[in-house]
Amino acid sequence: MRRMKTIAIAATLLTLGAAIAARGPVSRPQRTHAQSALPIMLWSTEARRAIVPRGQNGIFGTENYGNKFPGEAAIYLGIVHAAMYDVAVAIEGRYRPYAIAIDAPLTTSPEAAIATAAHHVLMGLDLDLDANGTKILDDRYQASLDAVLDLEARKNGIAVGRQVATAMLQLRNLDGREKHPTTVDLKPPAPGPGVWL
């Protein structure tokens, strides 16, 4: 019994190996920059800080300086994350983008591209940040760019990030998030049996 399992496993592996070999070698261009989730995590945090308020007694986080409350904040955060997703797709490929399809040059810095897309989308979403909030966001962006020492990769990253941010802001322009609908705007049915408002 054990021998039959071993033979079956070996036959499966040989068949799989032959199928892979028949397809030929997979050639993928090699990126010059290591990929990491760190820029996404950093700018996800920056977006949250710029969108979500501190709340009474700092209940939502004393580091926050935004002014969008929960339902609204989720929409704004989603827009920033969709932009960062499009940057990742532009650099790595393999998936369908949300707002724009770009083929980033191989020497594109993911850090610069993600920082640029997130920063520019945040600035373009009319968050009504005060001067201090704008300075914090601009300073974090500049620090992200300064950390990229390869000037060509930085330049390419900024270009990709700008393209993504522009496309995202155009796509989400006048999407209705500024309307603040009420129950009346939703045209509910007249009160009656089985109607719950």
C-alpha atoms as a PDB file:
ATOM      1  CA  MET A   1       0.000   0.000   0.000  1.00  0.00           C
ATOM      2  CA  ARG A   2       2.751   2.428   0.974  1.00  0.00           C
ATOM      3  CA  ARG A   3       4.690   1.518  -2.198  1.00  0.00           C
ATOM      4  CA  MET A   4       1.652   2.258  -4.374  1.00  0.00           C
ATOM      5  CA  LYS A   5       1.237   5.699  -2.750  1.00  0.00           C
ATOM      6  CA  THR A   6       4.909   6.437  -3.350  1.00  0.00           C
ATOM      7  CA  ILE A   7       4.617   5.419  -7.001  1.00  0.00           C
ATOM      8  CA  ALA A   8       1.460   7.524  -7.436  1.00  0.00           C
ATOM      9  CA  ILE A   9       3.137  10.583  -5.884  1.00  0.00           C
ATOM     10  CA  ALA A  10       6.255  10.104  -8.048  1.00  0.00           C
ATOM     11  CA  ALA A  11       4.134   9.750 -11.189  1.00  0.00           C
ATOM     12  CA  THR A  12       2.214  12.915 -10.310  1.00  0.00           C
ATOM     13  CA  LEU A  13       5.421  14.872  -9.739  1.00  0.00           C
ATOM     14  CA  LEU A  14       6.927  13.612 -13.018  1.00  0.00           C
ATOM     15  CA  THR A  15       3.776  14.560 -14.922  1.00  0.00           C
ATOM     16  CA  LEU A  16       3.715  18.003 -13.314  1.00  0.00           C
ATOM     17  CA  GLY A  17       7.406  18.512 -14.032  1.00  0.00           C
ATOM     18  CA  ALA A  18       6.934  17.503 -17.682  1.00  0.00           C
ATOM     19  CA  ALA A  19       4.010  19.911 -18.045  1.00  0.00           C
ATOM     20  CA  ILE A  20       6.050  22.785 -16.606  1.00  0.00           C
ATOM     21  CA  ALA A  21       9.043  21.946 -18.802  1.00  0.00           C
ATOM     22  CA  ALA A  22       6.808  21.817 -21.897  1.00  0.00           C
ATOM     23  CA  ARG A  23       5.718  25.404 -21.290  1.00  0.00           C
ATOM     24  CA  GLY A  24       9.319  26.573 -21.434  1.00  0.00           C
ATOM     25  CA  PRO A  25      11.133  28.912 -19.082  1.00  0.00           C
ATOM     26  CA  VAL A  26       9.211  31.785 -17.552  1.00  0.00           C
ATOM     27  CA  SER A  27      10.944  35.041 -18.312  1.00  0.00           C
ATOM     28  CA  ARG A  28      10.051  37.922 -16.078  1.00  0.00           C
ATOM     29  CA  PRO A  29      11.935  41.193 -15.975  1.00  0.00           C
ATOM     30  CA  GLN A  30      13.775  41.664 -12.737  1.00  0.00           C
ATOM     31  CA  ARG A  31      13.005  44.759 -10.717  1.00  0.00           C
ATOM     32  CA  THR A  32      15.978  46.714  -9.476  1.00  0.00           C
ATOM     33  CA  HIS A  33      14.234  47.485  -6.180  1.00  0.00           C
ATOM     34  CA  ALA A  34      13.164  44.980  -3.546  1.00  0.00           C
ATOM     35  CA  GLN A  35       9.412  44.893  -2.993  1.00  0.00           C
ATOM     36  CA  SER A  36       8.080  45.439   0.491  1.00  0.00           C
ATOM     37  CA  ALA A  37       4.708  46.058   2.111  1.00  0.00           C
ATOM     38  CA  LEU A  38       6.268  48.740   4.325  1.00  0.00           C
ATOM     39  CA  PRO A  39       5.443  51.763   2.087  1.00  0.00           C
ATOM     40  CA  ILE A  40       1.792  50.656   1.919  1.00  0.00           C
ATOM     41  CA  MET A  41       1.653  50.274   5.695  1.00  0.00           C
ATOM     42  CA  LEU A  42       3.313  53.648   6.271  1.00  0.00           C
ATOM     43  CA  TRP A  43       1.008  55.527   3.900  1.00  0.00           C
ATOM     44  CA  SER A  44      -2.041  53.690   5.144  1.00  0.00           C
ATOM     45  CA  THR A  45      -1.193  55.081   8.573  1.00  0.00           C
ATOM     46  CA  GLU A  46      -0.538  58.557   7.153  1.00  0.00           C
ATOM     47  CA  ALA A  47      -3.876  58.482   5.342  1.00  0.00           C
ATOM     48  CA  ARG A  48      -5.689  57.477   8.518  1.00  0.00           C
ATOM     49  CA  ARG A  49      -4.003  60.264  10.468  1.00  0.00           C
ATOM     50  CA  ALA A  50      -4.944  62.859   7.810  1.00  0.00           C
ATOM     51  CA  ILE A  51      -8.557  61.658   7.484  1.00  0.00           C
ATOM     52  CA  VAL A  52      -9.720  60.524  10.927  1.00  0.00           C
ATOM     53  CA  PRO A  53     -10.177  63.134  13.701  1.00  0.00           C
ATOM     54  CA  ARG A  54      -8.705  62.871  17.181  1.00  0.00           C
ATOM     55  CA  GLY A  55     -12.172  62.619  18.656  1.00  0.00           C
ATOM     56  CA  GLN A  56     -13.187  63.806  22.086  1.00  0.00           C
ATOM     57  CA  ASN A  57     -10.289  63.323  24.508  1.00  0.00           C
ATOM     58  CA  GLY A  58      -8.293  61.681  21.687  1.00  0.00           C
ATOM     59  CA  ILE A  59     -10.592  58.641  21.576  1.00  0.00           C
ATOM     60  CA  PHE A  60      -9.845  57.969  17.870  1.00  0.00           C
ATOM     61  CA  GLY A  61      -6.116  58.560  18.296  1.00  0.00           C
ATOM     62  CA  THR A  62      -4.191  61.562  19.543  1.00  0.00           C
ATOM     63  CA  GLU A  63      -1.917  61.384  16.484  1.00  0.00           C
ATOM     64  CA  ASN A  64      -4.846  62.014  14.106  1.00  0.00           C
ATOM     65  CA  TYR A  65      -5.491  65.454  12.648  1.00  0.00           C
ATOM     66  CA  GLY A  66      -8.309  64.832  10.131  1.00  0.00           C
ATOM     67  CA  ASN A  67     -11.995  65.693  10.305  1.00  0.00           C
ATOM     68  CA  LYS A  68     -13.930  62.876   8.596  1.00  0.00           C
ATOM     69  CA  PHE A  69     -16.045  60.720  10.863  1.00  0.00           C
ATOM     70  CA  PRO A  70     -16.431  56.929  10.552  1.00  0.00           C
ATOM     71  CA  GLY A  71     -18.654  56.380   7.498  1.00  0.00           C
ATOM     72  CA  GLU A  72     -17.097  59.232   5.585  1.00  0.00           C
ATOM     73  CA  ALA A  73     -13.560  58.311   6.659  1.00  0.00           C
ATOM     74  CA  ALA A  74     -13.972  54.790   5.282  1.00  0.00           C
ATOM     75  CA  ILE A  75     -14.771  56.157   1.822  1.00  0.00           C
ATOM     76  CA  TYR A  76     -11.765  58.499   1.814  1.00  0.00           C
ATOM     77  CA  LEU A  77      -9.456  55.763   3.080  1.00  0.00           C
ATOM     78  CA  GLY A  78     -10.775  53.431   0.383  1.00  0.00           C
ATOM     79  CA  ILE A  79      -9.925  55.952  -2.329  1.00  0.00           C
ATOM     80  CA  VAL A  80      -6.346  56.313  -1.049  1.00  0.00           C
ATOM     81  CA  HIS A  81      -5.938  52.535  -0.787  1.00  0.00           C
ATOM     82  CA  ALA A  82      -7.266  52.054  -4.322  1.00  0.00           C
ATOM     83  CA  ALA A  83      -4.597  54.499  -5.544  1.00  0.00           C
ATOM     84  CA  MET A  84      -1.872  52.577  -3.717  1.00  0.00           C
ATOM     85  CA  TYR A  85      -3.243  49.368  -5.244  1.00  0.00           C
ATOM     86  CA  ASP A  86      -2.975  50.844  -8.754  1.00  0.00           C
ATOM     87  CA  VAL A  87       0.648  51.787  -8.040  1.00  0.00           C
ATOM     88  CA  ALA A  88       1.396  48.226  -6.940  1.00  0.00           C
ATOM     89  CA  VAL A  89      -0.246  46.867 -10.106  1.00  0.00           C
ATOM     90  CA  ALA A  90       1.723  49.330 -12.261  1.00  0.00           C
ATOM     91  CA  ILE A  91       4.961  48.094 -10.704  1.00  0.00           C
ATOM     92  CA  GLU A  92       4.221  44.386 -10.301  1.00  0.00           C
ATOM     93  CA  GLY A  93       1.541  43.708 -12.921  1.00  0.00           C
ATOM     94  CA  ARG A  94      -0.570  40.525 -12.780  1.00  0.00           C
ATOM     95  CA  TYR A  95      -3.827  42.176 -11.677  1.00  0.00           C
ATOM     96  CA  ARG A  96      -6.444  44.457 -13.158  1.00  0.00           C
ATOM     97  CA  PRO A  97      -6.050  48.091 -12.051  1.00  0.00           C
ATOM     98  CA  TYR A  98      -8.902  50.120 -10.593  1.00  0.00           C
ATOM     99  CA  ALA A  99      -8.492  53.555 -12.187  1.00  0.00           C
ATOM    100  CA  ILE A 100      -5.575  53.440 -14.628  1.00  0.00           C
ATOM    101  CA  ALA A 101      -3.303  50.888 -16.296  1.00  0.00           C
ATOM    102  CA  ILE A 102       0.358  51.942 -16.315  1.00  0.00           C
ATOM    103  CA  ASP A 103       3.503  49.965 -17.056  1.00  0.00           C
ATOM    104  CA  ALA A 104       6.036  51.395 -14.636  1.00  0.00           C
ATOM    105  CA  PRO A 105       9.687  51.412 -15.733  1.00  0.00           C
ATOM    106  CA  LEU A 106      11.784  48.670 -14.148  1.00  0.00           C
ATOM    107  CA  THR A 107      13.734  51.269 -12.186  1.00  0.00           C
ATOM    108  CA  THR A 108      10.625  52.706 -10.494  1.00  0.00           C
ATOM    109  CA  SER A 109      10.897  53.194  -6.742  1.00  0.00           C
ATOM    110  CA  PRO A 110       7.800  51.673  -5.092  1.00  0.00           C
ATOM    111  CA  GLU A 111       8.381  53.900  -2.067  1.00  0.00           C
ATOM    112  CA  ALA A 112       8.315  57.102  -4.141  1.00  0.00           C
ATOM    113  CA  ALA A 113       5.366  55.943  -6.253  1.00  0.00           C
ATOM    114  CA  ILE A 114       3.217  54.905  -3.290  1.00  0.00           C
ATOM    115  CA  ALA A 115       4.072  58.024  -1.305  1.00  0.00           C
ATOM    116  CA  THR A 116       3.289  60.266  -4.281  1.00  0.00           C
ATOM    117  CA  ALA A 117      -0.011  58.587  -5.123  1.00  0.00           C
ATOM    118  CA  ALA A 118      -1.207  58.577  -1.505  1.00  0.00           C
ATOM    119  CA  HIS A 119      -0.049  62.147  -0.775  1.00  0.00           C
ATOM    120  CA  HIS A 120      -1.471  63.621  -3.974  1.00  0.00           C
ATOM    121  CA  VAL A 121      -4.811  61.838  -3.564  1.00  0.00           C
ATOM    122  CA  LEU A 122      -5.059  63.015   0.041  1.00  0.00           C
ATOM    123  CA  MET A 123      -4.287  66.584  -1.016  1.00  0.00           C
ATOM    124  CA  GLY A 124      -6.781  66.389  -3.882  1.00  0.00           C
ATOM    125  CA  LEU A 125      -9.686  65.032  -1.829  1.00  0.00           C
ATOM    126  CA  ASP A 126     -10.424  68.393  -0.173  1.00  0.00           C
ATOM    127  CA  LEU A 127      -9.964  67.139   3.368  1.00  0.00           C
ATOM    128  CA  ASP A 128     -10.164  70.697   4.732  1.00  0.00           C
ATOM    129  CA  LEU A 129      -6.894  70.251   6.589  1.00  0.00           C
ATOM    130  CA  ASP A 130      -5.629  73.239   8.506  1.00  0.00           C
ATOM    131  CA  ALA A 131      -2.141  74.621   7.812  1.00  0.00           C
ATOM    132  CA  ASN A 132      -0.607  72.377  10.465  1.00  0.00           C
ATOM    133  CA  GLY A 133      -2.218  69.245   9.003  1.00  0.00           C
ATOM    134  CA  THR A 134      -1.073  70.168   5.500  1.00  0.00           C
ATOM    135  CA  LYS A 135       2.475  70.744   6.776  1.00  0.00           C
ATOM    136  CA  ILE A 136       2.529  67.375   8.557  1.00  0.00           C
ATOM    137  CA  LEU A 137       1.388  65.586   5.395  1.00  0.00           C
ATOM    138  CA  ASP A 138       3.839  67.476   3.167  1.00  0.00           C
ATOM    139  CA  ASP A 139       6.722  66.827   5.567  1.00  0.00           C
ATOM    140  CA  ARG A 140       5.971  63.082   5.665  1.00  0.00           C
ATOM    141  CA  TYR A 141       5.844  63.011   1.879  1.00  0.00           C
ATOM    142  CA  GLN A 142       9.179  64.811   1.551  1.00  0.00           C
ATOM    143  CA  ALA A 143      10.758  62.446   4.090  1.00  0.00           C
ATOM    144  CA  SER A 144       9.519  59.461   2.050  1.00  0.00           C
ATOM    145  CA  LEU A 145      11.077  60.893  -1.106  1.00  0.00           C
ATOM    146  CA  ASP A 146      14.332  61.830   0.623  1.00  0.00           C
ATOM    147  CA  ALA A 147      14.735  58.204   1.739  1.00  0.00           C
ATOM    148  CA  VAL A 148      14.930  57.077  -1.923  1.00  0.00           C
ATOM    149  CA  LEU A 149      18.572  57.626  -2.836  1.00  0.00           C
ATOM    150  CA  ASP A 150      18.374  56.365  -6.430  1.00  0.00           C
ATOM    151  CA  LEU A 151      17.423  59.577  -8.264  1.00  0.00           C
ATOM    152  CA  GLU A 152      16.194  57.869 -11.441  1.00  0.00           C
ATOM    153  CA  ALA A 153      14.038  55.446  -9.444  1.00  0.00           C
ATOM    154  CA  ARG A 154      12.687  58.352  -7.394  1.00  0.00           C
ATOM    155  CA  LYS A 155      11.859  60.350 -10.531  1.00  0.00           C
ATOM    156  CA  ASN A 156      10.080  57.354 -12.094  1.00  0.00           C
ATOM    157  CA  GLY A 157       8.210  56.678  -8.860  1.00  0.00           C
ATOM    158  CA  ILE A 158       6.999  60.263  -8.630  1.00  0.00           C
ATOM    159  CA  ALA A 159       5.809  60.134 -12.261  1.00  0.00           C
ATOM    160  CA  VAL A 160       3.890  56.881 -11.743  1.00  0.00           C
ATOM    161  CA  GLY A 161       2.398  58.113  -8.465  1.00  0.00           C
ATOM    162  CA  ARG A 162       1.261  61.360 -10.090  1.00  0.00           C
ATOM    163  CA  GLN A 163      -0.389  59.534 -12.985  1.00  0.00           C
ATOM    164  CA  VAL A 164      -2.248  57.249 -10.603  1.00  0.00           C
ATOM    165  CA  ALA A 165      -3.323  60.116  -8.326  1.00  0.00           C
ATOM    166  CA  THR A 166      -4.604  62.164 -11.262  1.00  0.00           C
ATOM    167  CA  ALA A 167      -6.587  59.227 -12.656  1.00  0.00           C
ATOM    168  CA  MET A 168      -8.018  58.374  -9.228  1.00  0.00           C
ATOM    169  CA  LEU A 169      -9.108  61.941  -8.512  1.00  0.00           C
ATOM    170  CA  GLN A 170     -10.714  62.240 -11.955  1.00  0.00           C
ATOM    171  CA  LEU A 171     -12.551  58.938 -11.493  1.00  0.00           C
ATOM    172  CA  ARG A 172     -13.854  59.902  -8.055  1.00  0.00           C
ATOM    173  CA  ASN A 173     -14.652  63.537  -8.885  1.00  0.00           C
ATOM    174  CA  LEU A 174     -18.317  64.300  -8.171  1.00  0.00           C
ATOM    175  CA  ASP A 175     -18.934  60.755  -6.964  1.00  0.00           C
ATOM    176  CA  GLY A 176     -21.515  62.020  -4.463  1.00  0.00           C
ATOM    177  CA  ARG A 177     -19.484  61.671  -1.288  1.00  0.00           C
ATOM    178  CA  GLU A 178     -19.880  65.400  -0.598  1.00  0.00           C
ATOM    179  CA  LYS A 179     -23.704  65.333  -0.682  1.00  0.00           C
ATOM    180  CA  HIS A 180     -24.402  63.914   2.802  1.00  0.00           C
ATOM    181  CA  PRO A 181     -27.783  62.387   1.894  1.00  0.00           C
ATOM    182  CA  THR A 182     -30.561  62.170   4.466  1.00  0.00           C
ATOM    183  CA  THR A 183     -33.391  59.652   4.705  1.00  0.00           C
ATOM    184  CA  VAL A 184     -35.634  62.038   2.728  1.00  0.00           C
ATOM    185  CA  ASP A 185     -33.095  62.091  -0.139  1.00  0.00           C
ATOM    186  CA  LEU A 186     -33.474  58.328  -0.439  1.00  0.00           C
ATOM    187  CA  LYS A 187     -37.223  58.750  -1.188  1.00  0.00           C
ATOM    188  CA  PRO A 188     -38.557  56.198   1.284  1.00  0.00           C
ATOM    189  CA  PRO A 189     -42.045  54.763   0.791  1.00  0.00           C
ATOM    190  CA  ALA A 190     -44.980  56.351   2.563  1.00  0.00           C
ATOM    191  CA  PRO A 191     -45.483  55.210   6.185  1.00  0.00           C
ATOM    192  CA  GLY A 192     -47.708  52.196   6.539  1.00  0.00           C
ATOM    193  CA  PRO A 193     -47.844  48.564   7.648  1.00  0.00           C
ATOM    194  CA  GLY A 194     -44.462  46.869   7.106  1.00  0.00           C
ATOM    195  CA  VAL A 195     -42.626  50.146   6.388  1.00  0.00           C
ATOM    196  CA  TRP A 196     -39.828  50.803   8.851  1.00  0.00           C
ATOM    197  CA  LEU A 197     -38.034  54.146   8.813  1.00  0.00           C
END
